[in-house]
Amino acid sequence: HGTVSIRTGAVEPDITAMSLAIPTGGKLGMAVSIIGPDYRFTKQARGEHQTSLLNTVDALVRELRINGEDFTS
């Protein structure tokens, strides 16, 4: 797993985004992001969002065979 990135105020002062890169092994860069109003990113919610991002990336890697660069067309 990579590191979940968290940014607040990059586009609007009250918007927060969390994202996690999907490990593709080279050619294509992909990430999954959650974006919303800052008040929905409390400390507890951030932990829940991080777990959701990790689970989603794991499922995508598994289902799309991303590490093997298959992407099941």
PDB file of N, CA and C in Angstrom:
ATOM      1  N   HIS A   1       0.830  -1.198   0.000  1.00  0.00           N
ATOM      2  CA  HIS A   1       0.000   0.000   0.000  1.00  0.00           C
ATOM      3  C   HIS A   1       0.861   1.244   0.000  1.00  0.00           C
ATOM      4  N   GLY A   2       0.310   2.272  -0.610  1.00  0.00           N
ATOM      5  CA  GLY A   2       0.958   3.569  -0.561  1.00  0.00           C
ATOM      6  C   GLY A   2       0.440   4.344   0.636  1.00  0.00           C
ATOM      7  N   THR A   3       0.652   5.626   0.601  1.00  0.00           N
ATOM      8  CA  THR A   3       0.215   6.506   1.673  1.00  0.00           C
ATOM      9  C   THR A   3      -1.013   7.272   1.227  1.00  0.00           C
ATOM     10  N   VAL A   4      -2.003   7.363   2.090  1.00  0.00           N
ATOM     11  CA  VAL A   4      -3.188   8.158   1.800  1.00  0.00           C
ATOM     12  C   VAL A   4      -2.809   9.623   1.958  1.00  0.00           C
ATOM     13  N   SER A   5      -3.057  10.411   0.916  1.00  0.00           N
ATOM     14  CA  SER A   5      -2.769  11.848   0.950  1.00  0.00           C
ATOM     15  C   SER A   5      -4.033  12.603   1.324  1.00  0.00           C
ATOM     16  N   ILE A   6      -3.882  13.626   2.163  1.00  0.00           N
ATOM     17  CA  ILE A   6      -5.003  14.457   2.586  1.00  0.00           C
ATOM     18  C   ILE A   6      -4.643  15.909   2.328  1.00  0.00           C
ATOM     19  N   ARG A   7      -5.543  16.620   1.620  1.00  0.00           N
ATOM     20  CA  ARG A   7      -5.319  18.049   1.353  1.00  0.00           C
ATOM     21  C   ARG A   7      -6.598  18.813   1.615  1.00  0.00           C
ATOM     22  N   THR A   8      -6.465  19.930   2.289  1.00  0.00           N
ATOM     23  CA  THR A   8      -7.593  20.821   2.534  1.00  0.00           C
ATOM     24  C   THR A   8      -7.251  22.186   1.970  1.00  0.00           C
ATOM     25  N   GLY A   9      -8.209  22.787   1.280  1.00  0.00           N
ATOM     26  CA  GLY A   9      -8.027  24.139   0.787  1.00  0.00           C
ATOM     27  C   GLY A   9      -7.229  24.278  -0.489  1.00  0.00           C
ATOM     28  N   ALA A  10      -6.955  23.211  -1.189  1.00  0.00           N
ATOM     29  CA  ALA A  10      -6.165  23.313  -2.421  1.00  0.00           C
ATOM     30  C   ALA A  10      -6.939  24.022  -3.527  1.00  0.00           C
ATOM     31  N   VAL A  11      -8.244  23.792  -3.591  1.00  0.00           N
ATOM     32  CA  VAL A  11      -9.075  24.432  -4.614  1.00  0.00           C
ATOM     33  C   VAL A  11     -10.014  25.445  -3.976  1.00  0.00           C
ATOM     34  N   GLU A  12     -10.680  25.019  -2.914  1.00  0.00           N
ATOM     35  CA  GLU A  12     -11.577  25.881  -2.145  1.00  0.00           C
ATOM     36  C   GLU A  12     -11.185  25.741  -0.676  1.00  0.00           C
ATOM     37  N   PRO A  13     -11.310  26.795   0.116  1.00  0.00           N
ATOM     38  CA  PRO A  13     -10.842  26.744   1.502  1.00  0.00           C
ATOM     39  C   PRO A  13     -11.551  25.709   2.373  1.00  0.00           C
ATOM     40  N   ASP A  14     -12.788  25.343   2.041  1.00  0.00           N
ATOM     41  CA  ASP A  14     -13.547  24.421   2.892  1.00  0.00           C
ATOM     42  C   ASP A  14     -13.751  23.045   2.261  1.00  0.00           C
ATOM     43  N   ILE A  15     -12.907  22.686   1.292  1.00  0.00           N
ATOM     44  CA  ILE A  15     -12.988  21.389   0.619  1.00  0.00           C
ATOM     45  C   ILE A  15     -11.754  20.560   0.973  1.00  0.00           C
ATOM     46  N   THR A  16     -11.990  19.298   1.320  1.00  0.00           N
ATOM     47  CA  THR A  16     -10.907  18.371   1.644  1.00  0.00           C
ATOM     48  C   THR A  16     -10.950  17.200   0.680  1.00  0.00           C
ATOM     49  N   ALA A  17      -9.782  16.695   0.326  1.00  0.00           N
ATOM     50  CA  ALA A  17      -9.677  15.520  -0.538  1.00  0.00           C
ATOM     51  C   ALA A  17      -8.711  14.529   0.090  1.00  0.00           C
ATOM     52  N   MET A  18      -9.051  13.260  -0.025  1.00  0.00           N
ATOM     53  CA  MET A  18      -8.161  12.173   0.385  1.00  0.00           C
ATOM     54  C   MET A  18      -7.984  11.290  -0.839  1.00  0.00           C
ATOM     55  N   SER A  19      -6.768  10.862  -1.100  1.00  0.00           N
ATOM     56  CA  SER A  19      -6.546  10.009  -2.265  1.00  0.00           C
ATOM     57  C   SER A  19      -5.472   8.973  -1.978  1.00  0.00           C
ATOM     58  N   LEU A  20      -5.537   7.888  -2.752  1.00  0.00           N
ATOM     59  CA  LEU A  20      -4.578   6.801  -2.630  1.00  0.00           C
ATOM     60  C   LEU A  20      -4.261   6.309  -4.029  1.00  0.00           C
ATOM     61  N   ALA A  21      -2.981   6.285  -4.354  1.00  0.00           N
ATOM     62  CA  ALA A  21      -2.552   5.810  -5.670  1.00  0.00           C
ATOM     63  C   ALA A  21      -2.769   4.309  -5.783  1.00  0.00           C
ATOM     64  N   ILE A  22      -3.069   3.875  -7.003  1.00  0.00           N
ATOM     65  CA  ILE A  22      -3.204   2.454  -7.303  1.00  0.00           C
ATOM     66  C   ILE A  22      -1.883   2.001  -7.901  1.00  0.00           C
ATOM     67  N   PRO A  23      -1.248   0.993  -7.302  1.00  0.00           N
ATOM     68  CA  PRO A  23       0.046   0.536  -7.817  1.00  0.00           C
ATOM     69  C   PRO A  23      -0.120  -0.185  -9.153  1.00  0.00           C
ATOM     70  N   THR A  24       0.407   0.404 -10.220  1.00  0.00           N
ATOM     71  CA  THR A  24       0.228  -0.180 -11.548  1.00  0.00           C
ATOM     72  C   THR A  24       1.491  -0.791 -12.108  1.00  0.00           C
ATOM     73  N   GLY A  25       2.597  -0.586 -11.482  1.00  0.00           N
ATOM     74  CA  GLY A  25       3.830  -1.170 -11.977  1.00  0.00           C
ATOM     75  C   GLY A  25       4.462  -0.393 -13.110  1.00  0.00           C
ATOM     76  N   GLY A  26       4.005   0.811 -13.385  1.00  0.00           N
ATOM     77  CA  GLY A  26       4.744   1.569 -14.375  1.00  0.00           C
ATOM     78  C   GLY A  26       3.983   2.511 -15.266  1.00  0.00           C
ATOM     79  N   LYS A  27       3.338   2.018 -16.291  1.00  0.00           N
ATOM     80  CA  LYS A  27       2.881   2.834 -17.405  1.00  0.00           C
ATOM     81  C   LYS A  27       1.799   3.854 -17.070  1.00  0.00           C
ATOM     82  N   LEU A  28       0.772   3.442 -16.385  1.00  0.00           N
ATOM     83  CA  LEU A  28      -0.395   4.280 -16.196  1.00  0.00           C
ATOM     84  C   LEU A  28      -0.534   4.674 -14.733  1.00  0.00           C
ATOM     85  N   GLY A  29      -0.733   5.953 -14.460  1.00  0.00           N
ATOM     86  CA  GLY A  29      -0.937   6.406 -13.090  1.00  0.00           C
ATOM     87  C   GLY A  29      -2.419   6.528 -12.790  1.00  0.00           C
ATOM     88  N   MET A  30      -2.857   5.923 -11.695  1.00  0.00           N
ATOM     89  CA  MET A  30      -4.263   5.972 -11.301  1.00  0.00           C
ATOM     90  C   MET A  30      -4.348   6.201  -9.800  1.00  0.00           C
ATOM     91  N   ALA A  31      -5.461   6.790  -9.370  1.00  0.00           N
ATOM     92  CA  ALA A  31      -5.702   6.987  -7.944  1.00  0.00           C
ATOM     93  C   ALA A  31      -7.202   6.972  -7.689  1.00  0.00           C
ATOM     94  N   VAL A  32      -7.567   6.684  -6.455  1.00  0.00           N
ATOM     95  CA  VAL A  32      -8.951   6.772  -6.004  1.00  0.00           C
ATOM     96  C   VAL A  32      -8.999   7.923  -5.010  1.00  0.00           C
ATOM     97  N   SER A  33     -10.012   8.792  -5.153  1.00  0.00           N
ATOM     98  CA  SER A  33     -10.118   9.968  -4.283  1.00  0.00           C
ATOM     99  C   SER A  33     -11.502  10.088  -3.671  1.00  0.00           C
ATOM    100  N   ILE A  34     -11.539  10.686  -2.493  1.00  0.00           N
ATOM    101  CA  ILE A  34     -12.778  11.074  -1.827  1.00  0.00           C
ATOM    102  C   ILE A  34     -12.670  12.579  -1.616  1.00  0.00           C
ATOM    103  N   ILE A  35     -13.678  13.316  -2.070  1.00  0.00           N
ATOM    104  CA  ILE A  35     -13.645  14.776  -1.985  1.00  0.00           C
ATOM    105  C   ILE A  35     -14.960  15.259  -1.385  1.00  0.00           C
ATOM    106  N   GLY A  36     -14.879  16.229  -0.479  1.00  0.00           N
ATOM    107  CA  GLY A  36     -16.099  16.757   0.104  1.00  0.00           C
ATOM    108  C   GLY A  36     -15.825  17.936   1.015  1.00  0.00           C
ATOM    109  N   PRO A  37     -16.899  18.446   1.638  1.00  0.00           N
ATOM    110  CA  PRO A  37     -16.746  19.575   2.550  1.00  0.00           C
ATOM    111  C   PRO A  37     -15.894  19.187   3.758  1.00  0.00           C
ATOM    112  N   ASP A  38     -15.082  20.123   4.201  1.00  0.00           N
ATOM    113  CA  ASP A  38     -14.139  19.875   5.292  1.00  0.00           C
ATOM    114  C   ASP A  38     -14.811  19.328   6.549  1.00  0.00           C
ATOM    115  N   TYR A  39     -16.023  19.781   6.866  1.00  0.00           N
ATOM    116  CA  TYR A  39     -16.673  19.330   8.098  1.00  0.00           C
ATOM    117  C   TYR A  39     -17.001  17.834   8.080  1.00  0.00           C
ATOM    118  N   ARG A  40     -16.960  17.193   6.925  1.00  0.00           N
ATOM    119  CA  ARG A  40     -17.194  15.744   6.841  1.00  0.00           C
ATOM    120  C   ARG A  40     -15.901  14.940   6.991  1.00  0.00           C
ATOM    121  N   PHE A  41     -14.797  15.611   7.259  1.00  0.00           N
ATOM    122  CA  PHE A  41     -13.505  14.954   7.404  1.00  0.00           C
ATOM    123  C   PHE A  41     -12.962  15.144   8.819  1.00  0.00           C
ATOM    124  N   THR A  42     -13.784  14.820   9.808  1.00  0.00           N
ATOM    125  CA  THR A  42     -13.325  14.853  11.198  1.00  0.00           C
ATOM    126  C   THR A  42     -12.233  13.794  11.373  1.00  0.00           C
ATOM    127  N   LYS A  43     -11.580  13.800  12.504  1.00  0.00           N
ATOM    128  CA  LYS A  43     -10.525  12.808  12.746  1.00  0.00           C
ATOM    129  C   LYS A  43     -11.077  11.385  12.619  1.00  0.00           C
ATOM    130  N   GLN A  44     -12.240  11.133  13.205  1.00  0.00           N
ATOM    131  CA  GLN A  44     -12.851   9.802  13.126  1.00  0.00           C
ATOM    132  C   GLN A  44     -13.236   9.471  11.682  1.00  0.00           C
ATOM    133  N   ALA A  45     -13.850  10.422  10.993  1.00  0.00           N
ATOM    134  CA  ALA A  45     -14.265  10.184   9.609  1.00  0.00           C
ATOM    135  C   ALA A  45     -13.061   9.937   8.709  1.00  0.00           C
ATOM    136  N   ARG A  46     -11.963  10.645   8.949  1.00  0.00           N
ATOM    137  CA  ARG A  46     -10.756  10.432   8.135  1.00  0.00           C
ATOM    138  C   ARG A  46     -10.264   8.994   8.264  1.00  0.00           C
ATOM    139  N   GLY A  47     -10.322   8.444   9.469  1.00  0.00           N
ATOM    140  CA  GLY A  47      -9.935   7.050   9.668  1.00  0.00           C
ATOM    141  C   GLY A  47     -10.831   6.103   8.885  1.00  0.00           C
ATOM    142  N   GLU A  48     -12.135   6.381   8.902  1.00  0.00           N
ATOM    143  CA  GLU A  48     -13.089   5.559   8.151  1.00  0.00           C
ATOM    144  C   GLU A  48     -12.865   5.708   6.647  1.00  0.00           C
ATOM    145  N   HIS A  49     -12.636   6.939   6.198  1.00  0.00           N
ATOM    146  CA  HIS A  49     -12.380   7.174   4.770  1.00  0.00           C
ATOM    147  C   HIS A  49     -11.099   6.473   4.331  1.00  0.00           C
ATOM    148  N   GLN A  50     -10.073   6.516   5.181  1.00  0.00           N
ATOM    149  CA  GLN A  50      -8.810   5.861   4.839  1.00  0.00           C
ATOM    150  C   GLN A  50      -9.021   4.357   4.675  1.00  0.00           C
ATOM    151  N   THR A  51      -9.771   3.752   5.587  1.00  0.00           N
ATOM    152  CA  THR A  51     -10.069   2.326   5.477  1.00  0.00           C
ATOM    153  C   THR A  51     -10.815   2.033   4.181  1.00  0.00           C
ATOM    154  N   SER A  52     -11.778   2.881   3.831  1.00  0.00           N
ATOM    155  CA  SER A  52     -12.529   2.700   2.583  1.00  0.00           C
ATOM    156  C   SER A  52     -11.622   2.800   1.365  1.00  0.00           C
ATOM    157  N   LEU A  53     -10.722   3.773   1.365  1.00  0.00           N
ATOM    158  CA  LEU A  53      -9.785   3.912   0.245  1.00  0.00           C
ATOM    159  C   LEU A  53      -8.895   2.683   0.116  1.00  0.00           C
ATOM    160  N   LEU A  54      -8.350   2.205   1.223  1.00  0.00           N
ATOM    161  CA  LEU A  54      -7.485   1.025   1.195  1.00  0.00           C
ATOM    162  C   LEU A  54      -8.240  -0.196   0.679  1.00  0.00           C
ATOM    163  N   ASN A  55      -9.472  -0.395   1.151  1.00  0.00           N
ATOM    164  CA  ASN A  55     -10.276  -1.531   0.698  1.00  0.00           C
ATOM    165  C   ASN A  55     -10.633  -1.420  -0.777  1.00  0.00           C
ATOM    166  N   THR A  56     -10.945  -0.221  -1.227  1.00  0.00           N
ATOM    167  CA  THR A  56     -11.297  -0.007  -2.629  1.00  0.00           C
ATOM    168  C   THR A  56     -10.109  -0.270  -3.541  1.00  0.00           C
ATOM    169  N   VAL A  57      -8.951   0.255  -3.178  1.00  0.00           N
ATOM    170  CA  VAL A  57      -7.752   0.025  -3.994  1.00  0.00           C
ATOM    171  C   VAL A  57      -7.406  -1.462  -4.021  1.00  0.00           C
ATOM    172  N   ASP A  58      -7.501  -2.135  -2.886  1.00  0.00           N
ATOM    173  CA  ASP A  58      -7.248  -3.583  -2.858  1.00  0.00           C
ATOM    174  C   ASP A  58      -8.186  -4.319  -3.809  1.00  0.00           C
ATOM    175  N   ALA A  59      -9.468  -3.968  -3.781  1.00  0.00           N
ATOM    176  CA  ALA A  59     -10.452  -4.625  -4.648  1.00  0.00           C
ATOM    177  C   ALA A  59     -10.161  -4.350  -6.120  1.00  0.00           C
ATOM    178  N   LEU A  60      -9.805  -3.114  -6.450  1.00  0.00           N
ATOM    179  CA  LEU A  60      -9.488  -2.784  -7.845  1.00  0.00           C
ATOM    180  C   LEU A  60      -8.265  -3.547  -8.337  1.00  0.00           C
ATOM    181  N   VAL A  61      -7.242  -3.604  -7.509  1.00  0.00           N
ATOM    182  CA  VAL A  61      -6.025  -4.334  -7.886  1.00  0.00           C
ATOM    183  C   VAL A  61      -6.363  -5.800  -8.138  1.00  0.00           C
ATOM    184  N   ARG A  62      -7.167  -6.369  -7.261  1.00  0.00           N
ATOM    185  CA  ARG A  62      -7.536  -7.780  -7.371  1.00  0.00           C
ATOM    186  C   ARG A  62      -8.438  -8.026  -8.589  1.00  0.00           C
ATOM    187  N   GLU A  63      -9.485  -7.229  -8.745  1.00  0.00           N
ATOM    188  CA  GLU A  63     -10.468  -7.442  -9.811  1.00  0.00           C
ATOM    189  C   GLU A  63      -9.940  -7.107 -11.201  1.00  0.00           C
ATOM    190  N   LEU A  64      -9.130  -6.084 -11.301  1.00  0.00           N
ATOM    191  CA  LEU A  64      -8.628  -5.660 -12.614  1.00  0.00           C
ATOM    192  C   LEU A  64      -7.252  -6.234 -12.921  1.00  0.00           C
ATOM    193  N   ARG A  65      -6.712  -7.015 -12.001  1.00  0.00           N
ATOM    194  CA  ARG A  65      -5.378  -7.607 -12.165  1.00  0.00           C
ATOM    195  C   ARG A  65      -4.350  -6.525 -12.500  1.00  0.00           C
ATOM    196  N   ILE A  66      -4.414  -5.434 -11.775  1.00  0.00           N
ATOM    197  CA  ILE A  66      -3.600  -4.255 -12.081  1.00  0.00           C
ATOM    198  C   ILE A  66      -2.109  -4.523 -11.969  1.00  0.00           C
ATOM    199  N   ASN A  67      -1.672  -5.233 -10.976  1.00  0.00           N
ATOM    200  CA  ASN A  67      -0.230  -5.454 -10.833  1.00  0.00           C
ATOM    201  C   ASN A  67       0.354  -6.228 -12.001  1.00  0.00           C
ATOM    202  N   GLY A  68      -0.468  -7.013 -12.681  1.00  0.00           N
ATOM    203  CA  GLY A  68      -0.013  -7.743 -13.863  1.00  0.00           C
ATOM    204  C   GLY A  68      -0.295  -6.983 -15.143  1.00  0.00           C
ATOM    205  N   GLU A  69      -0.741  -5.721 -15.041  1.00  0.00           N
ATOM    206  CA  GLU A  69      -1.038  -4.848 -16.182  1.00  0.00           C
ATOM    207  C   GLU A  69      -2.071  -5.450 -17.136  1.00  0.00           C
ATOM    208  N   ASP A  70      -3.048  -6.216 -16.639  1.00  0.00           N
ATOM    209  CA  ASP A  70      -4.073  -6.821 -17.490  1.00  0.00           C
ATOM    210  C   ASP A  70      -5.200  -5.836 -17.778  1.00  0.00           C
ATOM    211  N   PHE A  71      -5.770  -5.227 -16.761  1.00  0.00           N
ATOM    212  CA  PHE A  71      -6.886  -4.283 -16.823  1.00  0.00           C
ATOM    213  C   PHE A  71      -8.139  -4.884 -17.452  1.00  0.00           C
ATOM    214  N   THR A  72      -8.187  -6.194 -17.633  1.00  0.00           N
ATOM    215  CA  THR A  72      -9.323  -6.947 -18.162  1.00  0.00           C
ATOM    216  C   THR A  72     -10.239  -6.139 -19.072  1.00  0.00           C
ATOM    217  N   SER A  73      -9.844  -6.022 -20.296  1.00  0.00           N
ATOM    218  CA  SER A  73     -10.606  -5.241 -21.286  1.00  0.00           C
ATOM    219  C   SER A  73     -11.928  -5.779 -21.556  1.00  0.00           C
TER     220      SER A  73
END
